[in-house]
């Protein structure tokens, strides 16, 4: 979803996951159909044609947009046309029916806080409150209109505060559920989803690589210097890998000193160059960060994706390349040649970290 969609962006400030978003939009559509469609018909019957038309246009635009999101997985109109038509309908209702229609403003402004991105929700609600107050003023005492404005501001402020608190809490929980607590790298639970996405890209002939990474002789670091130094080494390695790979690349901690780096839209030759640089930077960076440790190097096995290949085989090829790197003396990068997977032949491409 883009920035003009209902319920925000799930990767930005969205309040719901994809499944919940679908249920919420379906519920909203049903409620508005049962509410605004009868009101629209009623206004046509009593002669309020303009108001009836606005309500009908709002409902139609909402149906089109929700259909696009739920069935086509894309936005057709965005949230702005339904939002604009709803605001016009509110003001016209108050203009026609006076104080009786002002009660509808409260659920509307609260729903806008929930459904629309923060900045646009604030602008929309500010406009609705102002225009609704102007429309209500001829129908009631100024003091009543003032109370109406204050009540709406109070309602909107509370709604914004609660929703923002929930969004922050949700973001924190999402981070904790997807990240390794020690290093901040993505955890193993996120790996399958990311590999499936990368595999789909391979079907569109977009090269993708994975690198299986081990810290050489890490057990010796723990045994000699203790687990506190070992933890510092792991955190430093993760930091250096993240600093020297691209923003689109994803680093996963599989456990202990084992990592997997997913290269987006990258061929094996490019992944090799990046891992060579990372290996050199880790060797230098550990000396500066953990001077008590003599040296830390990486062994890496790289495998490029193949169209139609099972994910397990793709990961296994990277593991085979990693095994060859260790067997050949560690502190190097090896690339598994997909054409020779079944013979387990690995192209020998060493780093220059020595």
Protein backbone atom coordinates (compact mmCIF):
# COMPACT_ATOMS: atom_id res chain seq x y z
CA UNK A 1 0.00 0.00 0.00
CA UNK A 2 1.17 3.52 -0.70
CA UNK A 3 0.93 6.71 1.28
CA UNK A 4 -2.58 7.39 -0.06
CA UNK A 5 -4.06 4.14 1.26
CA UNK A 6 -6.37 3.39 4.16
CA UNK A 7 -4.85 2.19 7.45
CA UNK A 8 -1.43 3.55 6.59
CA UNK A 9 1.63 1.68 5.39
CA UNK A 10 2.35 -1.56 7.23
CA UNK A 11 6.05 -0.84 7.05
CA UNK A 12 5.69 2.74 8.19
CA UNK A 13 2.94 3.77 10.58
CA UNK A 14 0.35 1.11 9.85
CA UNK A 15 -1.68 -0.03 12.84
CA UNK A 16 -2.70 -3.42 11.45
CA UNK A 17 -1.00 -6.34 9.79
CA UNK A 18 -2.25 -7.41 6.36
CA UNK A 19 -4.77 -9.94 7.66
CA UNK A 20 -6.21 -7.56 10.25
CA UNK A 21 -6.31 -4.74 7.69
CA UNK A 22 -8.51 -6.82 5.42
CA UNK A 23 -10.92 -7.64 8.23
CA UNK A 24 -11.10 -4.03 9.40
CA UNK A 25 -11.75 -2.68 5.91
CA UNK A 26 -14.45 -5.30 5.35
CA UNK A 27 -16.09 -4.36 8.66
CA UNK A 28 -15.96 -0.63 7.84
CA UNK A 29 -17.46 -1.23 4.42
CA UNK A 30 -20.35 -3.23 5.88
CA UNK A 31 -21.04 -0.63 8.59
CA UNK A 32 -21.03 2.28 6.14
CA UNK A 33 -23.25 0.38 3.69
CA UNK A 34 -25.80 -0.26 6.44
CA UNK A 35 -25.59 3.37 7.63
CA UNK A 36 -24.92 5.78 4.79
CA UNK A 37 -26.76 3.97 2.01
CA UNK A 38 -30.14 4.17 3.83
CA UNK A 39 -29.40 7.79 4.79
CA UNK A 40 -28.65 8.58 1.15
CA UNK A 41 -31.95 7.05 0.01
CA UNK A 42 -33.81 8.90 2.76
CA UNK A 43 -32.37 12.25 1.66
CA UNK A 44 -33.39 11.62 -1.94
CA UNK A 45 -36.91 10.83 -0.72
CA UNK A 46 -37.25 13.99 1.40
CA UNK A 47 -35.90 16.20 -1.37
CA UNK A 48 -32.32 16.77 -0.13
CA UNK A 49 -30.85 15.69 -3.45
CA UNK A 50 -27.38 17.23 -3.03
CA UNK A 51 -26.85 15.62 0.38
CA UNK A 52 -28.16 12.29 -0.91
CA UNK A 53 -25.82 12.47 -3.88
CA UNK A 54 -22.78 13.26 -1.68
CA UNK A 55 -23.54 10.34 0.65
CA UNK A 56 -24.01 8.00 -2.30
CA UNK A 57 -20.81 9.22 -3.96
CA UNK A 58 -18.90 8.69 -0.70
CA UNK A 59 -20.19 5.14 -0.37
CA UNK A 60 -19.44 4.34 -4.00
CA UNK A 61 -15.87 5.69 -3.76
CA UNK A 62 -15.32 3.69 -0.57
CA UNK A 63 -16.59 0.49 -2.19
CA UNK A 64 -14.28 1.01 -5.18
CA UNK A 65 -11.23 1.65 -2.99
CA UNK A 66 -11.85 -1.25 -0.61
CA UNK A 67 -12.45 -3.56 -3.58
CA UNK A 68 -9.12 -2.47 -5.07
CA UNK A 69 -7.26 -3.14 -1.81
CA UNK A 70 -8.90 -6.47 -1.00
CA UNK A 71 -9.23 -7.97 -4.48
CA UNK A 72 -6.65 -6.27 -6.67
CA UNK A 73 -4.03 -5.59 -3.97
CA UNK A 74 -3.68 -2.00 -5.11
CA UNK A 75 -5.22 1.42 -4.61
CA UNK A 76 -7.71 2.62 -7.20
CA UNK A 77 -8.70 6.02 -5.80
CA UNK A 78 -6.70 6.32 -2.59
CA UNK A 79 -8.30 7.54 0.63
CA UNK A 80 -8.60 11.20 -0.37
CA UNK A 81 -11.75 11.07 -2.56
CA UNK A 82 -13.81 9.13 0.05
CA UNK A 83 -12.45 11.37 2.81
CA UNK A 84 -13.32 14.55 0.92
CA UNK A 85 -16.83 13.32 0.09
CA UNK A 86 -17.40 12.27 3.70
CA UNK A 87 -16.35 15.70 4.97
CA UNK A 88 -18.67 17.44 2.50
CA UNK A 89 -21.50 15.13 3.56
CA UNK A 90 -20.96 15.96 7.24
CA UNK A 91 -21.03 19.71 6.63
CA UNK A 92 -24.12 19.48 4.40
CA UNK A 93 -25.92 17.33 6.99
CA UNK A 94 -25.30 19.90 9.71
CA UNK A 95 -26.30 22.71 7.36
CA UNK A 96 -29.61 20.96 6.60
CA UNK A 97 -30.52 19.31 9.90
CA UNK A 98 -28.67 21.49 12.41
CA UNK A 99 -27.65 20.24 15.86
CA UNK A 100 -29.22 16.83 15.28
CA UNK A 101 -26.55 16.02 12.68
CA UNK A 102 -23.58 17.18 14.78
CA UNK A 103 -23.54 13.90 16.68
CA UNK A 104 -22.35 12.12 13.55
CA UNK A 105 -19.12 14.13 13.57
CA UNK A 106 -17.76 12.34 16.66
CA UNK A 107 -17.54 8.80 15.23
CA UNK A 108 -16.34 10.21 11.92
CA UNK A 109 -13.35 12.14 13.33
CA UNK A 110 -12.42 9.21 15.58
CA UNK A 111 -12.51 6.80 12.63
CA UNK A 112 -10.34 9.13 10.57
CA UNK A 113 -7.64 9.01 13.26
CA UNK A 114 -7.71 5.23 13.05
CA UNK A 115 -7.86 4.84 9.27
CA UNK A 116 -5.83 7.67 7.77
CA UNK A 117 -2.09 8.46 8.14
CA UNK A 118 -1.32 10.81 11.03
CA UNK A 119 -0.61 14.11 9.26
CA UNK A 120 -3.53 13.81 6.87
CA UNK A 121 -5.83 12.77 9.72
CA UNK A 122 -4.90 15.91 11.66
CA UNK A 123 -5.50 18.14 8.62
CA UNK A 124 -8.78 16.44 7.72
CA UNK A 125 -10.14 16.55 11.26
CA UNK A 126 -9.12 20.17 11.66
CA UNK A 127 -11.04 21.05 8.51
CA UNK A 128 -14.08 18.98 9.51
CA UNK A 129 -14.23 20.51 13.00
CA UNK A 130 -13.93 24.06 11.65
CA UNK A 131 -16.48 23.70 8.84
CA UNK A 132 -18.89 21.73 11.02
CA UNK A 133 -18.80 24.47 13.64
CA UNK A 134 -19.48 27.12 10.99
CA UNK A 135 -22.39 25.07 9.62
CA UNK A 136 -23.82 24.48 13.12
CA UNK A 137 -23.57 28.09 14.33
CA UNK A 138 -26.82 29.35 12.67
CA UNK A 139 -28.77 26.50 14.30
CA UNK A 140 -27.69 26.94 17.94
CA UNK A 141 -26.33 29.32 20.55
CA UNK A 142 -22.67 30.32 20.19
CA UNK A 143 -21.90 28.80 23.59
CA UNK A 144 -23.29 25.45 22.43
CA UNK A 145 -21.15 25.62 19.29
CA UNK A 146 -18.10 26.39 21.45
CA UNK A 147 -18.81 23.34 23.59
CA UNK A 148 -19.23 21.31 20.41
CA UNK A 149 -15.79 22.42 19.17
CA UNK A 150 -14.11 21.75 22.53
CA UNK A 151 -15.70 18.30 22.79
CA UNK A 152 -14.51 17.41 19.29
CA UNK A 153 -10.98 18.64 20.01
CA UNK A 154 -10.92 16.62 23.22
CA UNK A 155 -12.18 13.52 21.40
CA UNK A 156 -9.67 13.85 18.56
CA UNK A 157 -6.74 14.57 20.91
CA UNK A 158 -7.44 11.47 23.00
CA UNK A 159 -7.84 9.35 19.86
CA UNK A 160 -4.55 10.61 18.39
CA UNK A 161 -2.69 10.00 21.65
CA UNK A 162 -4.04 6.47 22.08
CA UNK A 163 -3.44 5.47 18.46
CA UNK A 164 0.09 6.90 18.47
CA UNK A 165 0.88 5.02 21.69
CA UNK A 166 -0.43 1.79 20.19
CA UNK A 167 1.60 2.37 17.00
CA UNK A 168 4.82 2.86 18.98
CA UNK A 169 4.13 -0.20 21.12
CA UNK A 170 3.38 -2.24 18.02
CA UNK A 171 6.59 -1.06 16.35
CA UNK A 172 8.63 -2.03 19.42
CA UNK A 173 6.99 -5.45 19.63
CA UNK A 174 7.51 -6.00 15.91
CA UNK A 175 11.20 -5.11 16.26
CA UNK A 176 11.67 -7.44 19.22
CA UNK A 177 9.90 -10.31 17.45
CA UNK A 178 12.02 -10.03 14.30
CA UNK A 179 15.45 -9.12 15.70
CA UNK A 180 18.18 -10.92 17.57
CA UNK A 181 18.34 -9.40 21.05
CA UNK A 182 22.15 -9.30 21.23
CA UNK A 183 23.07 -7.92 17.82
CA UNK A 184 19.94 -6.41 16.30
CA UNK A 185 20.34 -8.64 13.23
CA UNK A 186 17.21 -10.27 11.85
CA UNK A 187 16.41 -13.56 13.54
CA UNK A 188 15.83 -16.98 12.05
CA UNK A 189 12.04 -16.60 12.02
CA UNK A 190 12.36 -13.85 9.39
CA UNK A 191 14.64 -15.87 7.16
CA UNK A 192 12.03 -18.10 5.51
CA UNK A 193 9.84 -15.18 4.46
CA UNK A 194 12.82 -13.29 3.03
CA UNK A 195 14.11 -16.33 1.16
CA UNK A 196 10.69 -16.95 -0.38
CA UNK A 197 10.60 -13.34 -1.60
CA UNK A 198 14.11 -13.68 -3.01
CA UNK A 199 13.15 -16.94 -4.71
CA UNK A 200 10.20 -15.19 -6.39
CA UNK A 201 12.62 -12.58 -7.74
CA UNK A 202 14.71 -15.37 -9.21
CA UNK A 203 11.67 -16.43 -11.25
CA UNK A 204 11.71 -12.94 -12.78
CA UNK A 205 15.40 -13.43 -13.65
CA UNK A 206 16.63 -11.14 -10.90
CA UNK A 207 19.84 -12.62 -9.53
CA UNK A 208 19.93 -13.02 -5.75
CA UNK A 209 22.70 -14.43 -3.59
CA UNK A 210 23.04 -15.71 -0.06
CA UNK A 211 26.24 -15.84 1.95
CA UNK A 212 26.61 -18.31 4.83
CA UNK A 213 29.07 -16.73 7.28
CA UNK A 214 30.94 -18.17 10.26
CA UNK A 215 33.34 -16.42 12.62
CA UNK A 216 36.57 -18.41 12.53
CA UNK A 217 37.63 -20.09 15.78
CA UNK A 218 34.98 -18.24 17.75
CA UNK A 219 34.88 -20.98 20.38
CA UNK A 220 38.51 -20.21 21.20
CA UNK A 221 37.59 -16.55 21.77
CA UNK A 222 34.94 -17.57 24.30
CA UNK A 223 37.21 -20.10 26.00
CA UNK A 224 40.19 -17.76 26.31
CA UNK A 225 38.58 -14.36 26.86
CA UNK A 226 35.13 -15.20 28.23
CA UNK A 227 31.61 -14.85 26.90
CA UNK A 228 31.47 -11.08 27.51
CA UNK A 229 34.31 -10.55 25.06
CA UNK A 230 32.73 -13.10 22.73
CA UNK A 231 29.47 -11.15 22.77
CA UNK A 232 31.38 -7.96 22.00
CA UNK A 233 33.08 -9.66 19.06
CA UNK A 234 29.72 -10.84 17.66
CA UNK A 235 28.18 -7.37 18.01
CA UNK A 236 31.20 -5.80 16.33
CA UNK A 237 31.08 -8.28 13.45
CA UNK A 238 27.38 -7.58 12.88
CA UNK A 239 27.98 -3.83 12.99
CA UNK A 240 30.82 -4.06 10.47
CA UNK A 241 28.84 -6.31 8.13
CA UNK A 242 25.90 -3.90 8.19
CA UNK A 243 28.23 -0.95 7.58
CA UNK A 244 29.82 -2.48 4.50
CA UNK A 245 26.87 -4.15 2.79
CA UNK A 246 24.06 -2.29 1.03
CA UNK A 247 20.85 -1.04 2.61
CA UNK A 248 18.79 -3.55 0.64
CA UNK A 249 20.86 -6.49 1.90
CA UNK A 250 19.54 -8.39 4.94
CA UNK A 251 21.67 -9.94 7.69
CA UNK A 252 20.28 -12.82 9.76
CA UNK A 253 21.79 -14.37 12.87
CA UNK A 254 21.14 -18.11 12.72
CA UNK A 255 22.62 -18.82 16.13
CA UNK A 256 25.97 -18.54 17.91
CA UNK A 257 28.56 -17.33 15.41
CA UNK A 258 26.54 -18.33 12.34
CA UNK A 259 25.03 -15.71 10.04
CA UNK A 260 23.38 -15.50 6.66
CA UNK A 261 23.55 -12.42 4.44
CA UNK A 262 20.90 -12.08 1.73
CA UNK A 263 22.04 -9.97 -1.22
CA UNK A 264 19.23 -8.30 -3.14
CA UNK A 265 19.43 -8.25 -6.95
CA UNK A 266 23.07 -9.34 -6.90
CA UNK A 267 25.14 -11.82 -8.90
CA UNK A 268 27.75 -14.05 -7.30
CA UNK A 269 30.68 -11.96 -8.57
CA UNK A 270 29.32 -8.81 -6.90
CA UNK A 271 28.51 -10.67 -3.68
CA UNK A 272 32.06 -12.00 -3.66
CA UNK A 273 33.53 -8.50 -3.87
CA UNK A 274 31.31 -7.29 -1.04
CA UNK A 275 32.25 -10.24 1.17
CA UNK A 276 35.94 -9.70 0.46
CA UNK A 277 35.60 -6.11 1.66
CA UNK A 278 33.59 -7.18 4.70
CA UNK A 279 36.21 -9.80 5.59
CA UNK A 280 38.99 -7.23 5.43
CA UNK A 281 37.04 -4.66 7.46
CA UNK A 282 36.15 -7.21 10.14
CA UNK A 283 39.79 -8.25 10.49
CA UNK A 284 40.79 -4.59 10.97
CA UNK A 285 37.80 -3.51 13.02
CA UNK A 286 38.07 -6.24 15.64
CA UNK A 287 41.65 -5.19 16.41
CA UNK A 288 40.42 -1.66 17.15
CA UNK A 289 37.29 -2.65 19.07
CA UNK A 290 38.56 -5.72 20.95
CA UNK A 291 42.34 -5.30 21.26
CA UNK A 292 42.57 -8.24 23.68
CA UNK A 293 41.59 -10.57 20.84
CA UNK A 294 44.49 -11.41 18.56
CA UNK A 295 42.48 -11.60 15.34
CA UNK A 296 39.03 -12.47 14.06
CA UNK A 297 38.34 -13.56 10.51
CA UNK A 298 35.34 -14.84 8.58
CA UNK A 299 34.73 -17.90 6.45
CA UNK A 300 32.00 -17.43 3.86
CA UNK A 301 30.14 -19.57 1.36
CA UNK A 302 28.13 -17.89 -1.41
CA UNK A 303 25.38 -19.37 -3.58
CA UNK A 304 23.40 -17.63 -6.31
CA UNK A 305 19.70 -18.40 -6.72
CA UNK A 306 18.44 -20.65 -9.51
CA UNK A 307 14.98 -20.47 -11.06
CA UNK A 308 12.82 -23.28 -9.71
CA UNK A 309 15.32 -24.41 -7.08
CA UNK A 310 14.04 -25.48 -3.67
CA UNK A 311 14.98 -23.09 -0.87
CA UNK A 312 16.61 -25.91 1.09
CA UNK A 313 18.90 -26.72 -1.84
CA UNK A 314 19.84 -23.07 -2.25
CA UNK A 315 20.83 -22.78 1.41
CA UNK A 316 22.60 -26.15 1.25
CA UNK A 317 24.77 -24.94 -1.63
CA UNK A 318 25.83 -21.95 0.46
CA UNK A 319 26.58 -24.29 3.38
CA UNK A 320 28.67 -26.51 1.09
CA UNK A 321 30.66 -23.49 -0.05
CA UNK A 322 31.15 -22.47 3.60
CA UNK A 323 32.36 -25.97 4.43
CA UNK A 324 34.88 -25.75 1.59
CA UNK A 325 36.08 -22.37 2.89
CA UNK A 326 36.69 -23.86 6.33
CA UNK A 327 38.27 -27.00 4.93
CA UNK A 328 40.63 -24.92 2.79
CA UNK A 329 42.01 -23.03 5.80
CA UNK A 330 39.30 -20.50 6.75
CA UNK A 331 39.54 -16.69 6.34
CA UNK A 332 38.28 -16.85 2.77
CA UNK A 333 35.23 -16.75 0.53
CA UNK A 334 34.10 -19.59 -1.72
CA UNK A 335 31.32 -19.55 -4.28
CA UNK A 336 29.25 -22.62 -5.08
CA UNK A 337 28.89 -23.02 -8.84
CA UNK A 338 25.23 -23.91 -9.38
CA UNK A 339 26.08 -25.87 -12.51
CA UNK A 340 28.16 -28.28 -10.45
CA UNK A 341 25.96 -28.54 -7.37
CA UNK A 342 25.40 -32.27 -7.57
CA UNK A 343 29.13 -32.93 -7.86
CA UNK A 344 29.61 -30.43 -5.03
CA UNK A 345 32.21 -28.55 -7.03
CA UNK A 346 32.97 -25.13 -5.60
CA UNK A 347 34.67 -22.29 -7.43
CA UNK A 348 37.67 -21.27 -5.34
CA UNK A 349 37.76 -17.49 -4.92
CA UNK A 350 39.77 -16.38 -1.91
CA UNK A 351 39.80 -13.10 -0.05
CA UNK A 352 42.91 -11.07 0.47
CA UNK A 353 42.52 -10.67 4.21
CA UNK A 354 45.81 -12.36 5.03
